Amino acid sequence: FGRGAMVKEFDTVVFSEETVVGEVYGPVKTQFGYHAIKVTERGGKKAGKKAGKKKKAKQLTVTSEEDFTAKVVNSKEATAVEFYSNLCGSCKEFAPTWDSFASSSPPVKTTKLNIDDSWAMSLATSLGVMEQGIPNVRLFTGADANGVSIVKGETPSLKELEKLIDAGIKSAGLKKKGKKSGVYRKLNSGEEEK
């Protein structure tokens, strides 16, 4: 809603420069009683961030199972994939965490697949995602076409997600190629870490 659409007390909290998106404020007294107010988004900014310019996540675009195989499964670079649904409450709760991770220059490529799309649902089903629950994050490292499950229906914090991804990278034995490369990848035999 825009400024002026609600009572003055709501506007004061929602549109304050000090209000952090995702935090709960209150109790706020209005003519209708007492309220707890949680701003979930403002100007495109998701939970956990102050208002201002949004850093957009640079995620890999995947449009089909064939595209997924080419860009993710057959890639030498590690890729974290989030499977989600627009109809899933836990997925909506996890979305700001995933977006923060993806926009933070993570050590892996990232993409997200909406299982509301039939091809993504088919892929998720074949990988066993639906048996584990959503949101579901899998790490693909070139070692296993099914990837390794990192998140199975839970909604970890950003720090927890980063630790899970780091543990997956470590267990896969991945290395960074080159000092400028921030993305881990599987090195070819005989190829050295620079």
Protein backbone atom coordinates (compact mmCIF):
# COMPACT_ATOMS: atom_id res chain seq x y z
CA PHE A 1 0.00 0.00 0.00
CA GLY A 2 1.11 3.54 -0.58
CA ARG A 3 1.59 6.42 1.83
CA GLY A 4 -1.75 7.73 3.07
CA ALA A 5 -3.67 4.51 2.33
CA MET A 6 -3.70 3.49 6.01
CA VAL A 7 -4.12 5.42 9.25
CA LYS A 8 -1.40 7.90 10.23
CA GLU A 9 0.08 5.62 12.90
CA PHE A 10 0.69 2.87 10.31
CA ASP A 11 2.31 5.32 7.89
CA THR A 12 4.59 6.63 10.64
CA VAL A 13 6.01 3.13 11.24
CA VAL A 14 5.93 1.75 7.69
CA PHE A 15 7.49 4.75 5.94
CA SER A 16 10.04 5.73 8.60
CA GLU A 17 13.68 5.75 7.45
CA GLU A 18 14.53 3.84 10.65
CA THR A 19 12.16 0.94 9.91
CA VAL A 20 13.98 -2.25 8.90
CA VAL A 21 12.09 -4.45 6.47
CA GLY A 22 11.34 -7.83 8.10
CA GLU A 23 11.31 -6.64 11.75
CA VAL A 24 8.16 -6.39 13.88
CA TYR A 25 7.20 -3.04 15.41
CA GLY A 26 4.65 -2.35 18.09
CA PRO A 27 2.44 -2.29 19.82
CA VAL A 28 1.15 0.58 17.71
CA LYS A 29 -2.07 2.19 18.95
CA THR A 30 -4.63 3.36 16.39
CA GLN A 31 -8.33 4.19 16.55
CA PHE A 32 -8.91 0.48 15.82
CA GLY A 33 -6.84 -0.88 18.74
CA TYR A 34 -3.27 -2.10 19.19
CA HIS A 35 -1.26 -3.62 16.36
CA ALA A 36 2.05 -5.32 15.68
CA ILE A 37 3.38 -4.18 12.30
CA LYS A 38 5.82 -6.16 10.17
CA VAL A 39 6.94 -4.54 6.93
CA THR A 40 7.66 -7.43 4.55
CA GLU A 41 8.65 -5.40 1.48
CA ARG A 42 9.11 -1.76 0.61
CA GLY A 43 10.11 -0.40 -2.77
CA GLY A 44 11.26 -3.84 -3.92
CA LYS A 45 13.37 -4.32 -0.77
CA LYS A 46 12.85 -7.67 0.96
CA ALA A 47 13.07 -8.62 4.64
CA GLY A 48 16.26 -7.89 6.56
CA LYS A 49 17.29 -4.78 4.64
CA LYS A 50 16.85 -1.06 5.16
CA ALA A 51 15.21 0.97 2.44
CA GLY A 52 17.47 2.04 -0.39
CA LYS A 53 18.87 0.64 -3.60
CA LYS A 54 18.44 -3.08 -3.96
CA LYS A 55 21.42 -5.21 -4.97
CA LYS A 56 19.98 -7.56 -7.53
CA ALA A 57 20.96 -11.22 -7.40
CA LYS A 58 22.88 -12.38 -10.46
CA GLN A 59 21.34 -15.81 -10.78
CA LEU A 60 21.73 -18.24 -13.63
CA THR A 61 18.63 -18.43 -15.86
CA VAL A 62 17.43 -21.98 -16.50
CA THR A 63 14.37 -22.50 -18.73
CA SER A 64 14.10 -26.27 -19.35
CA GLU A 65 15.42 -29.65 -18.22
CA GLU A 66 17.86 -29.63 -21.15
CA ASP A 67 19.03 -26.16 -20.15
CA PHE A 68 19.42 -27.38 -16.55
CA THR A 69 21.58 -30.31 -17.69
CA ALA A 70 23.78 -28.06 -19.83
CA LYS A 71 24.16 -25.14 -17.39
CA VAL A 72 24.11 -26.94 -14.03
CA VAL A 73 24.75 -30.68 -14.20
CA ASN A 74 27.45 -30.53 -16.89
CA SER A 75 29.09 -27.38 -15.54
CA LYS A 76 32.51 -27.59 -13.93
CA GLU A 77 31.51 -24.73 -11.62
CA ALA A 78 29.57 -25.50 -8.47
CA THR A 79 25.93 -24.40 -8.60
CA ALA A 80 23.42 -24.09 -5.76
CA VAL A 81 19.82 -24.58 -6.94
CA GLU A 82 16.74 -23.60 -4.93
CA PHE A 83 13.52 -25.46 -5.74
CA TYR A 84 10.47 -23.50 -4.58
CA SER A 85 6.78 -22.84 -5.21
CA ASN A 86 4.85 -19.57 -5.15
CA LEU A 87 2.17 -21.45 -3.21
CA CYS A 88 4.54 -22.54 -0.41
CA GLY A 89 4.55 -20.48 2.80
CA SER A 90 7.97 -21.77 3.88
CA CYS A 91 9.34 -20.90 0.43
CA LYS A 92 8.08 -17.33 0.79
CA GLU A 93 9.69 -17.16 4.25
CA PHE A 94 13.00 -18.47 2.84
CA ALA A 95 12.99 -16.22 -0.27
CA PRO A 96 14.68 -13.18 1.36
CA THR A 97 17.43 -15.45 2.74
CA TRP A 98 18.03 -17.03 -0.68
CA ASP A 99 17.99 -13.65 -2.42
CA SER A 100 20.49 -12.26 0.11
CA PHE A 101 22.75 -15.28 -0.41
CA ALA A 102 22.52 -15.07 -4.21
CA SER A 103 23.30 -11.35 -4.25
CA SER A 104 26.25 -11.59 -1.84
CA SER A 105 28.82 -12.84 -4.39
CA PRO A 106 28.55 -16.42 -3.14
CA PRO A 107 31.28 -19.02 -3.78
CA VAL A 108 28.95 -20.88 -6.17
CA LYS A 109 26.69 -20.01 -9.08
CA THR A 110 23.02 -19.83 -8.08
CA THR A 111 19.65 -20.37 -9.68
CA LYS A 112 16.12 -20.96 -8.49
CA LEU A 113 13.51 -23.18 -10.10
CA ASN A 114 9.79 -22.67 -9.59
CA ILE A 115 8.14 -26.09 -9.38
CA ASP A 116 4.86 -24.45 -10.39
CA ASP A 117 6.34 -24.78 -13.91
CA SER A 118 5.66 -28.31 -15.17
CA TRP A 119 9.20 -28.94 -16.43
CA ALA A 120 10.68 -27.86 -13.07
CA MET A 121 8.19 -30.07 -11.20
CA SER A 122 9.18 -33.01 -13.40
CA LEU A 123 12.86 -32.32 -12.68
CA ALA A 124 12.24 -31.88 -8.94
CA THR A 125 10.31 -35.15 -8.82
CA SER A 126 13.06 -37.06 -10.66
CA LEU A 127 15.70 -35.68 -8.25
CA GLY A 128 13.67 -36.65 -5.15
CA VAL A 129 13.12 -33.02 -4.12
CA MET A 130 9.40 -33.52 -3.55
CA GLU A 131 10.05 -36.35 -1.08
CA GLN A 132 12.33 -34.10 0.96
CA GLY A 133 10.17 -30.97 0.96
CA ILE A 134 10.50 -27.41 -0.26
CA PRO A 135 12.20 -25.05 -0.11
CA ASN A 136 14.96 -27.38 -1.21
CA VAL A 137 18.51 -26.35 -2.04
CA ARG A 138 20.83 -28.73 -3.87
CA LEU A 139 24.50 -28.25 -4.57
CA PHE A 140 25.68 -29.51 -7.95
CA THR A 141 29.45 -29.98 -8.14
CA GLY A 142 29.97 -32.09 -11.25
CA ALA A 143 30.33 -35.22 -9.11
CA ASP A 144 26.68 -36.28 -8.97
CA ALA A 145 23.93 -35.56 -11.51
CA ASN A 146 21.39 -35.48 -8.66
CA GLY A 147 23.32 -32.94 -6.61
CA VAL A 148 23.67 -32.98 -2.84
CA SER A 149 20.76 -31.83 -0.68
CA ILE A 150 21.70 -28.83 1.46
CA VAL A 151 18.24 -27.64 2.56
CA LYS A 152 15.30 -30.06 2.81
CA GLY A 153 12.13 -28.17 3.63
CA GLU A 154 13.68 -26.03 6.36
CA THR A 155 14.17 -22.28 6.34
CA PRO A 156 17.74 -21.71 7.59
CA SER A 157 19.13 -18.27 8.32
CA LEU A 158 21.62 -16.71 5.91
CA LYS A 159 24.56 -17.70 8.14
CA GLU A 160 23.27 -21.28 8.41
CA LEU A 161 22.81 -21.48 4.62
CA GLU A 162 26.34 -20.18 4.03
CA LYS A 163 27.73 -22.83 6.44
CA LEU A 164 25.74 -25.58 4.69
CA ILE A 165 27.01 -24.49 1.26
CA ASP A 166 30.61 -24.25 2.55
CA ALA A 167 30.34 -27.76 4.03
CA GLY A 168 29.05 -29.08 0.68
CA ILE A 169 31.94 -27.41 -1.17
CA LYS A 170 34.47 -28.84 1.27
CA SER A 171 33.03 -32.38 1.12
CA ALA A 172 33.11 -32.27 -2.70
CA GLY A 173 36.79 -31.27 -2.63
CA LEU A 174 36.24 -28.27 -4.89
CA LYS A 175 38.90 -25.60 -5.46
CA LYS A 176 38.90 -22.06 -6.79
CA LYS A 177 40.58 -21.73 -10.17
CA GLY A 178 42.51 -18.50 -10.29
CA LYS A 179 42.74 -15.72 -7.73
CA LYS A 180 40.04 -13.59 -9.36
CA SER A 181 37.50 -16.40 -9.63
CA GLY A 182 35.10 -16.40 -6.71
CA VAL A 183 33.34 -19.57 -7.83
CA TYR A 184 34.46 -23.05 -6.84
CA ARG A 185 34.78 -25.63 -9.55
CA LYS A 186 35.93 -29.16 -10.19
CA LEU A 187 39.46 -29.05 -11.57
CA ASN A 188 40.44 -31.35 -14.44
CA SER A 189 43.07 -33.98 -13.68
CA GLY A 190 46.47 -32.36 -13.96
CA GLU A 191 44.95 -28.86 -13.69
CA GLU A 192 46.38 -26.90 -10.79
CA GLU A 193 44.84 -24.39 -8.49
CA LYS A 194 46.31 -20.94 -9.22
